[in-house]
């Protein structure tokens, strides 16, 4: 009843191998998700490609500083073309 047989040993070994490879597969899936998250956070999609926090900048022709294109403000120079 509790004796060792070749069938029981092979079955036990097969279960251990399946569990081992299952954990390896889960770890690979988790690593891939983490890699994709890191790419997305470090700038994989910036600017016009889809990042809502990125803003287009334009250069002031008077002083050369960069201003937000959506609402440029005056740089303080008398001949600045932007309001206020």
PDB file of N, CA and C in Angstrom:
ATOM      1  N   UNK A   1       0.801  -1.183   0.000  1.00  0.00           N
ATOM      2  CA  UNK A   1       0.000   0.000   0.000  1.00  0.00           C
ATOM      3  C   UNK A   1       0.856   1.265   0.000  1.00  0.00           C
ATOM      4  N   UNK A   2       1.853   1.363   0.893  1.00  0.00           N
ATOM      5  CA  UNK A   2       2.726   2.524   0.939  1.00  0.00           C
ATOM      6  C   UNK A   2       4.078   2.243   0.309  1.00  0.00           C
ATOM      7  N   UNK A   3       4.196   1.173  -0.394  1.00  0.00           N
ATOM      8  CA  UNK A   3       5.468   0.809  -1.003  1.00  0.00           C
ATOM      9  C   UNK A   3       5.795   1.701  -2.187  1.00  0.00           C
ATOM     10  N   UNK A   4       7.059   1.721  -2.525  1.00  0.00           N
ATOM     11  CA  UNK A   4       7.501   2.494  -3.671  1.00  0.00           C
ATOM     12  C   UNK A   4       7.379   1.623  -4.910  1.00  0.00           C
ATOM     13  N   UNK A   5       6.773   2.178  -5.927  1.00  0.00           N
ATOM     14  CA  UNK A   5       6.725   1.472  -7.200  1.00  0.00           C
ATOM     15  C   UNK A   5       7.216   2.431  -8.270  1.00  0.00           C
ATOM     16  N   UNK A   6       7.606   1.894  -9.379  1.00  0.00           N
ATOM     17  CA  UNK A   6       8.115   2.719 -10.471  1.00  0.00           C
ATOM     18  C   UNK A   6       7.042   3.693 -10.951  1.00  0.00           C
ATOM     19  N   UNK A   7       5.809   3.285 -11.000  1.00  0.00           N
ATOM     20  CA  UNK A   7       4.711   4.146 -11.449  1.00  0.00           C
ATOM     21  C   UNK A   7       4.534   5.334 -10.512  1.00  0.00           C
ATOM     22  N   UNK A   8       4.561   5.086  -9.216  1.00  0.00           N
ATOM     23  CA  UNK A   8       4.397   6.173  -8.250  1.00  0.00           C
ATOM     24  C   UNK A   8       5.564   7.148  -8.320  1.00  0.00           C
ATOM     25  N   UNK A   9       6.781   6.645  -8.464  1.00  0.00           N
ATOM     26  CA  UNK A   9       7.949   7.519  -8.554  1.00  0.00           C
ATOM     27  C   UNK A   9       7.914   8.357  -9.828  1.00  0.00           C
ATOM     28  N   UNK A  10       7.556   7.760 -10.955  1.00  0.00           N
ATOM     29  CA  UNK A  10       7.474   8.501 -12.210  1.00  0.00           C
ATOM     30  C   UNK A  10       6.373   9.560 -12.154  1.00  0.00           C
ATOM     31  N   UNK A  11       5.234   9.201 -11.579  1.00  0.00           N
ATOM     32  CA  UNK A  11       4.147  10.161 -11.443  1.00  0.00           C
ATOM     33  C   UNK A  11       4.566  11.342 -10.560  1.00  0.00           C
ATOM     34  N   UNK A  12       5.214  11.065  -9.447  1.00  0.00           N
ATOM     35  CA  UNK A  12       5.673  12.123  -8.544  1.00  0.00           C
ATOM     36  C   UNK A  12       6.694  13.018  -9.244  1.00  0.00           C
ATOM     37  N   UNK A  13       7.619  12.423  -9.967  1.00  0.00           N
ATOM     38  CA  UNK A  13       8.619  13.205 -10.695  1.00  0.00           C
ATOM     39  C   UNK A  13       7.950  14.072 -11.768  1.00  0.00           C
ATOM     40  N   UNK A  14       6.955  13.528 -12.467  1.00  0.00           N
ATOM     41  CA  UNK A  14       6.252  14.295 -13.498  1.00  0.00           C
ATOM     42  C   UNK A  14       5.511  15.484 -12.892  1.00  0.00           C
ATOM     43  N   UNK A  15       4.889  15.300 -11.741  1.00  0.00           N
ATOM     44  CA  UNK A  15       4.182  16.394 -11.080  1.00  0.00           C
ATOM     45  C   UNK A  15       5.162  17.483 -10.658  1.00  0.00           C
ATOM     46  N   UNK A  16       6.298  17.074 -10.124  1.00  0.00           N
ATOM     47  CA  UNK A  16       7.308  18.054  -9.698  1.00  0.00           C
ATOM     48  C   UNK A  16       7.825  18.842 -10.894  1.00  0.00           C
ATOM     49  N   UNK A  17       8.086  18.159 -12.007  1.00  0.00           N
ATOM     50  CA  UNK A  17       8.572  18.841 -13.216  1.00  0.00           C
ATOM     51  C   UNK A  17       7.517  19.803 -13.751  1.00  0.00           C
ATOM     52  N   UNK A  18       6.255  19.401 -13.768  1.00  0.00           N
ATOM     53  CA  UNK A  18       5.190  20.287 -14.244  1.00  0.00           C
ATOM     54  C   UNK A  18       5.069  21.527 -13.366  1.00  0.00           C
ATOM     55  N   UNK A  19       5.146  21.354 -12.079  1.00  0.00           N
ATOM     56  CA  UNK A  19       5.077  22.499 -11.173  1.00  0.00           C
ATOM     57  C   UNK A  19       6.269  23.422 -11.383  1.00  0.00           C
ATOM     58  N   UNK A  20       7.453  22.841 -11.523  1.00  0.00           N
ATOM     59  CA  UNK A  20       8.680  23.618 -11.751  1.00  0.00           C
ATOM     60  C   UNK A  20       8.560  24.470 -13.012  1.00  0.00           C
ATOM     61  N   UNK A  21       8.165  23.865 -14.127  1.00  0.00           N
ATOM     62  CA  UNK A  21       8.046  24.607 -15.376  1.00  0.00           C
ATOM     63  C   UNK A  21       6.881  25.595 -15.340  1.00  0.00           C
ATOM     64  N   UNK A  22       5.848  25.291 -14.592  1.00  0.00           N
ATOM     65  CA  UNK A  22       4.751  26.243 -14.430  1.00  0.00           C
ATOM     66  C   UNK A  22       5.215  27.513 -13.738  1.00  0.00           C
ATOM     67  N   UNK A  23       6.023  27.374 -12.697  1.00  0.00           N
ATOM     68  CA  UNK A  23       6.555  28.550 -12.010  1.00  0.00           C
ATOM     69  C   UNK A  23       7.519  29.324 -12.905  1.00  0.00           C
ATOM     70  N   UNK A  24       8.334  28.610 -13.687  1.00  0.00           N
ATOM     71  CA  UNK A  24       9.238  29.299 -14.612  1.00  0.00           C
ATOM     72  C   UNK A  24       8.456  30.102 -15.640  1.00  0.00           C
ATOM     73  N   UNK A  25       7.365  29.538 -16.161  1.00  0.00           N
ATOM     74  CA  UNK A  25       6.547  30.229 -17.142  1.00  0.00           C
ATOM     75  C   UNK A  25       5.886  31.470 -16.524  1.00  0.00           C
ATOM     76  N   UNK A  26       5.360  31.324 -15.314  1.00  0.00           N
ATOM     77  CA  UNK A  26       4.745  32.470 -14.636  1.00  0.00           C
ATOM     78  C   UNK A  26       5.763  33.583 -14.394  1.00  0.00           C
ATOM     79  N   UNK A  27       6.976  33.214 -14.040  1.00  0.00           N
ATOM     80  CA  UNK A  27       8.018  34.216 -13.801  1.00  0.00           C
ATOM     81  C   UNK A  27       8.365  34.960 -15.094  1.00  0.00           C
ATOM     82  N   UNK A  28       8.431  34.230 -16.215  1.00  0.00           N
ATOM     83  CA  UNK A  28       8.712  34.877 -17.502  1.00  0.00           C
ATOM     84  C   UNK A  28       7.616  35.866 -17.870  1.00  0.00           C
ATOM     85  N   UNK A  29       6.361  35.486 -17.650  1.00  0.00           N
ATOM     86  CA  UNK A  29       5.239  36.378 -17.946  1.00  0.00           C
ATOM     87  C   UNK A  29       5.326  37.629 -17.074  1.00  0.00           C
ATOM     88  N   UNK A  30       5.626  37.452 -15.801  1.00  0.00           N
ATOM     89  CA  UNK A  30       5.748  38.585 -14.887  1.00  0.00           C
ATOM     90  C   UNK A  30       6.911  39.495 -15.291  1.00  0.00           C
ATOM     91  N   UNK A  31       8.047  38.932 -15.654  1.00  0.00           N
ATOM     92  CA  UNK A  31       9.195  39.731 -16.085  1.00  0.00           C
ATOM     93  C   UNK A  31       8.866  40.533 -17.343  1.00  0.00           C
ATOM     94  N   UNK A  32       8.155  39.930 -18.277  1.00  0.00           N
ATOM     95  CA  UNK A  32       7.779  40.624 -19.510  1.00  0.00           C
ATOM     96  C   UNK A  32       6.843  41.795 -19.207  1.00  0.00           C
ATOM     97  N   UNK A  33       5.893  41.609 -18.316  1.00  0.00           N
ATOM     98  CA  UNK A  33       4.999  42.704 -17.941  1.00  0.00           C
ATOM     99  C   UNK A  33       5.770  43.830 -17.266  1.00  0.00           C
ATOM    100  N   UNK A  34       6.692  43.485 -16.384  1.00  0.00           N
ATOM    101  CA  UNK A  34       7.492  44.509 -15.715  1.00  0.00           C
ATOM    102  C   UNK A  34       8.354  45.265 -16.715  1.00  0.00           C
ATOM    103  N   UNK A  35       8.918  44.571 -17.701  1.00  0.00           N
ATOM    104  CA  UNK A  35       9.743  45.212 -18.726  1.00  0.00           C
ATOM    105  C   UNK A  35       8.903  46.196 -19.535  1.00  0.00           C
ATOM    106  N   UNK A  36       7.690  45.788 -19.901  1.00  0.00           N
ATOM    107  CA  UNK A  36       6.809  46.681 -20.655  1.00  0.00           C
ATOM    108  C   UNK A  36       6.419  47.896 -19.826  1.00  0.00           C
ATOM    109  N   UNK A  37       6.168  47.710 -18.538  1.00  0.00           N
ATOM    110  CA  UNK A  37       5.836  48.834 -17.670  1.00  0.00           C
ATOM    111  C   UNK A  37       7.006  49.805 -17.546  1.00  0.00           C
ATOM    112  N   UNK A  38       8.225  49.265 -17.398  1.00  0.00           N
ATOM    113  CA  UNK A  38       9.412  50.133 -17.313  1.00  0.00           C
ATOM    114  C   UNK A  38       9.596  50.928 -18.593  1.00  0.00           C
ATOM    115  N   UNK A  39       9.416  50.288 -19.756  1.00  0.00           N
ATOM    116  CA  UNK A  39       9.551  50.995 -21.030  1.00  0.00           C
ATOM    117  C   UNK A  39       8.523  52.108 -21.146  1.00  0.00           C
ATOM    118  N   UNK A  40       7.298  51.817 -20.738  1.00  0.00           N
ATOM    119  CA  UNK A  40       6.238  52.799 -20.837  1.00  0.00           C
ATOM    120  C   UNK A  40       6.519  53.979 -19.912  1.00  0.00           C
ATOM    121  N   UNK A  41       7.033  53.714 -18.714  1.00  0.00           N
ATOM    122  CA  UNK A  41       7.278  54.784 -17.753  1.00  0.00           C
ATOM    123  C   UNK A  41       8.504  55.619 -18.078  1.00  0.00           C
ATOM    124  N   UNK A  42       9.541  55.007 -18.660  1.00  0.00           N
ATOM    125  CA  UNK A  42      10.757  55.776 -18.912  1.00  0.00           C
ATOM    126  C   UNK A  42      10.728  56.537 -20.220  1.00  0.00           C
ATOM    127  N   UNK A  43       9.655  56.450 -20.960  1.00  0.00           N
ATOM    128  CA  UNK A  43       9.561  57.270 -22.162  1.00  0.00           C
ATOM    129  C   UNK A  43       9.362  56.477 -23.426  1.00  0.00           C
ATOM    130  N   UNK A  44       8.859  55.287 -23.337  1.00  0.00           N
ATOM    131  CA  UNK A  44       8.599  54.512 -24.535  1.00  0.00           C
ATOM    132  C   UNK A  44       7.550  55.158 -25.422  1.00  0.00           C
ATOM    133  N   UNK A  45       6.619  55.905 -24.842  1.00  0.00           N
ATOM    134  CA  UNK A  45       5.620  56.618 -25.639  1.00  0.00           C
ATOM    135  C   UNK A  45       5.543  58.056 -25.141  1.00  0.00           C
ATOM    136  N   UNK A  46       6.272  58.949 -25.796  1.00  0.00           N
ATOM    137  CA  UNK A  46       6.294  60.346 -25.377  1.00  0.00           C
ATOM    138  C   UNK A  46       5.856  61.238 -26.517  1.00  0.00           C
ATOM    139  N   UNK A  47       5.490  62.434 -26.176  1.00  0.00           N
ATOM    140  CA  UNK A  47       5.155  63.449 -27.164  1.00  0.00           C
ATOM    141  C   UNK A  47       3.968  63.074 -28.028  1.00  0.00           C
ATOM    142  N   UNK A  48       4.105  63.290 -29.328  1.00  0.00           N
ATOM    143  CA  UNK A  48       2.979  63.058 -30.232  1.00  0.00           C
ATOM    144  C   UNK A  48       2.562  61.589 -30.310  1.00  0.00           C
ATOM    145  N   UNK A  49       3.370  60.703 -29.783  1.00  0.00           N
ATOM    146  CA  UNK A  49       3.043  59.278 -29.851  1.00  0.00           C
ATOM    147  C   UNK A  49       2.051  58.844 -28.791  1.00  0.00           C
ATOM    148  N   UNK A  50       1.605  59.725 -27.922  1.00  0.00           N
ATOM    149  CA  UNK A  50       0.548  59.324 -27.026  1.00  0.00           C
ATOM    150  C   UNK A  50       0.661  59.718 -25.568  1.00  0.00           C
ATOM    151  N   UNK A  51       1.726  60.343 -25.122  1.00  0.00           N
ATOM    152  CA  UNK A  51       1.836  60.708 -23.718  1.00  0.00           C
ATOM    153  C   UNK A  51       1.053  61.989 -23.462  1.00  0.00           C
ATOM    154  N   UNK A  52      -0.010  61.941 -22.648  1.00  0.00           N
ATOM    155  CA  UNK A  52      -0.818  63.137 -22.433  1.00  0.00           C
ATOM    156  C   UNK A  52      -0.106  64.218 -21.629  1.00  0.00           C
ATOM    157  N   UNK A  53       0.987  63.895 -20.940  1.00  0.00           N
ATOM    158  CA  UNK A  53       1.690  64.879 -20.130  1.00  0.00           C
ATOM    159  C   UNK A  53       2.728  65.666 -20.929  1.00  0.00           C
ATOM    160  N   UNK A  54       3.067  65.208 -22.115  1.00  0.00           N
ATOM    161  CA  UNK A  54       4.061  65.906 -22.929  1.00  0.00           C
ATOM    162  C   UNK A  54       3.415  67.101 -23.611  1.00  0.00           C
ATOM    163  N   UNK A  55       4.181  68.161 -23.757  1.00  0.00           N
ATOM    164  CA  UNK A  55       3.638  69.377 -24.353  1.00  0.00           C
ATOM    165  C   UNK A  55       4.574  69.857 -25.449  1.00  0.00           C
ATOM    166  N   UNK A  56       4.009  70.327 -26.527  1.00  0.00           N
ATOM    167  CA  UNK A  56       4.803  70.857 -27.625  1.00  0.00           C
ATOM    168  C   UNK A  56       5.334  72.228 -27.234  1.00  0.00           C
ATOM    169  N   UNK A  57       6.605  72.470 -27.556  1.00  0.00           N
ATOM    170  CA  UNK A  57       7.240  73.731 -27.201  1.00  0.00           C
ATOM    171  C   UNK A  57       7.594  74.498 -28.476  1.00  0.00           C
ATOM    172  N   UNK A  58       7.551  75.836 -28.380  1.00  0.00           N
ATOM    173  CA  UNK A  58       7.972  76.688 -29.490  1.00  0.00           C
ATOM    174  C   UNK A  58       9.039  77.655 -28.977  1.00  0.00           C
ATOM    175  N   UNK A  59       9.899  78.070 -29.883  1.00  0.00           N
ATOM    176  CA  UNK A  59      10.993  78.960 -29.509  1.00  0.00           C
ATOM    177  C   UNK A  59      10.584  80.416 -29.721  1.00  0.00           C
ATOM    178  N   UNK A  60      10.837  81.238 -28.730  1.00  0.00           N
ATOM    179  CA  UNK A  60      10.558  82.665 -28.839  1.00  0.00           C
ATOM    180  C   UNK A  60      11.568  83.278 -29.812  1.00  0.00           C
ATOM    181  N   UNK A  61      11.095  83.960 -30.854  1.00  0.00           N
ATOM    182  CA  UNK A  61      12.033  84.531 -31.825  1.00  0.00           C
ATOM    183  C   UNK A  61      12.854  85.688 -31.261  1.00  0.00           C
ATOM    184  N   UNK A  62      12.403  86.278 -30.170  1.00  0.00           N
ATOM    185  CA  UNK A  62      13.108  87.420 -29.590  1.00  0.00           C
ATOM    186  C   UNK A  62      14.265  86.990 -28.696  1.00  0.00           C
ATOM    187  N   UNK A  63      13.972  86.146 -27.724  1.00  0.00           N
ATOM    188  CA  UNK A  63      14.997  85.812 -26.735  1.00  0.00           C
ATOM    189  C   UNK A  63      15.531  84.387 -26.863  1.00  0.00           C
ATOM    190  N   UNK A  64      14.828  83.512 -27.591  1.00  0.00           N
ATOM    191  CA  UNK A  64      15.310  82.160 -27.798  1.00  0.00           C
ATOM    192  C   UNK A  64      14.875  81.148 -26.756  1.00  0.00           C
ATOM    193  N   UNK A  65      14.101  81.559 -25.755  1.00  0.00           N
ATOM    194  CA  UNK A  65      13.622  80.590 -24.770  1.00  0.00           C
ATOM    195  C   UNK A  65      12.450  79.801 -25.357  1.00  0.00           C
ATOM    196  N   UNK A  66      12.207  78.644 -24.785  1.00  0.00           N
ATOM    197  CA  UNK A  66      11.116  77.802 -25.265  1.00  0.00           C
ATOM    198  C   UNK A  66       9.885  77.990 -24.391  1.00  0.00           C
ATOM    199  N   UNK A  67       8.726  78.082 -25.054  1.00  0.00           N
ATOM    200  CA  UNK A  67       7.456  78.321 -24.384  1.00  0.00           C
ATOM    201  C   UNK A  67       6.456  77.248 -24.778  1.00  0.00           C
ATOM    202  N   UNK A  68       5.465  77.026 -23.930  1.00  0.00           N
ATOM    203  CA  UNK A  68       4.416  76.065 -24.260  1.00  0.00           C
ATOM    204  C   UNK A  68       3.633  76.582 -25.459  1.00  0.00           C
ATOM    205  N   UNK A  69       3.440  75.740 -26.479  1.00  0.00           N
ATOM    206  CA  UNK A  69       2.769  76.166 -27.705  1.00  0.00           C
ATOM    207  C   UNK A  69       1.300  76.462 -27.465  1.00  0.00           C
ATOM    208  N   UNK A  70       0.683  75.816 -26.480  1.00  0.00           N
ATOM    209  CA  UNK A  70      -0.734  76.016 -26.222  1.00  0.00           C
ATOM    210  C   UNK A  70      -1.066  77.385 -25.667  1.00  0.00           C
ATOM    211  N   UNK A  71      -0.203  77.939 -24.849  1.00  0.00           N
ATOM    212  CA  UNK A  71      -0.451  79.242 -24.229  1.00  0.00           C
ATOM    213  C   UNK A  71       0.876  79.946 -23.974  1.00  0.00           C
ATOM    214  N   UNK A  72       1.525  80.453 -25.018  1.00  0.00           N
ATOM    215  CA  UNK A  72       2.806  81.130 -24.804  1.00  0.00           C
ATOM    216  C   UNK A  72       2.620  82.453 -24.079  1.00  0.00           C
ATOM    217  N   UNK A  73       3.544  82.743 -23.193  1.00  0.00           N
ATOM    218  CA  UNK A  73       3.507  83.997 -22.428  1.00  0.00           C
ATOM    219  C   UNK A  73       4.693  84.860 -22.852  1.00  0.00           C
ATOM    220  N   UNK A  74       4.569  86.120 -22.600  1.00  0.00           N
ATOM    221  CA  UNK A  74       5.602  87.072 -22.957  1.00  0.00           C
ATOM    222  C   UNK A  74       6.879  86.775 -22.167  1.00  0.00           C
ATOM    223  N   UNK A  75       8.021  86.945 -22.833  1.00  0.00           N
ATOM    224  CA  UNK A  75       9.301  86.716 -22.168  1.00  0.00           C
ATOM    225  C   UNK A  75       9.787  87.964 -21.436  1.00  0.00           C
ATOM    226  N   UNK A  76       9.083  89.089 -21.624  1.00  0.00           N
ATOM    227  CA  UNK A  76       9.459  90.308 -20.933  1.00  0.00           C
ATOM    228  C   UNK A  76      10.226  91.282 -21.792  1.00  0.00           C
ATOM    229  N   UNK A  77      10.663  90.860 -22.952  1.00  0.00           N
ATOM    230  CA  UNK A  77      11.365  91.763 -23.874  1.00  0.00           C
ATOM    231  C   UNK A  77      10.352  92.690 -24.535  1.00  0.00           C
ATOM    232  N   UNK A  78      10.731  93.909 -24.861  1.00  0.00           N
ATOM    233  CA  UNK A  78       9.772  94.856 -25.435  1.00  0.00           C
ATOM    234  C   UNK A  78       9.210  94.417 -26.786  1.00  0.00           C
ATOM    235  N   UNK A  79       9.960  93.698 -27.580  1.00  0.00           N
ATOM    236  CA  UNK A  79       9.465  93.306 -28.911  1.00  0.00           C
ATOM    237  C   UNK A  79       9.016  91.849 -28.954  1.00  0.00           C
ATOM    238  N   UNK A  80       8.627  91.287 -27.812  1.00  0.00           N
ATOM    239  CA  UNK A  80       8.146  89.898 -27.771  1.00  0.00           C
ATOM    240  C   UNK A  80       6.780  89.819 -28.455  1.00  0.00           C
ATOM    241  N   UNK A  81       6.604  88.824 -29.353  1.00  0.00           N
ATOM    242  CA  UNK A  81       5.327  88.746 -30.088  1.00  0.00           C
ATOM    243  C   UNK A  81       4.181  88.115 -29.296  1.00  0.00           C
ATOM    244  N   UNK A  82       4.470  87.587 -28.121  1.00  0.00           N
ATOM    245  CA  UNK A  82       3.431  86.907 -27.352  1.00  0.00           C
ATOM    246  C   UNK A  82       2.844  87.811 -26.280  1.00  0.00           C
ATOM    247  N   UNK A  83       1.538  87.666 -25.996  1.00  0.00           N
ATOM    248  CA  UNK A  83       0.901  88.540 -25.005  1.00  0.00           C
ATOM    249  C   UNK A  83       1.265  88.144 -23.578  1.00  0.00           C
ATOM    250  N   UNK A  84       1.121  89.072 -22.697  1.00  0.00           N
ATOM    251  CA  UNK A  84       1.164  89.003 -21.319  1.00  0.00           C
ATOM    252  C   UNK A  84       1.920  88.222 -20.438  1.00  0.00           C
TER     253      UNK A  84
END
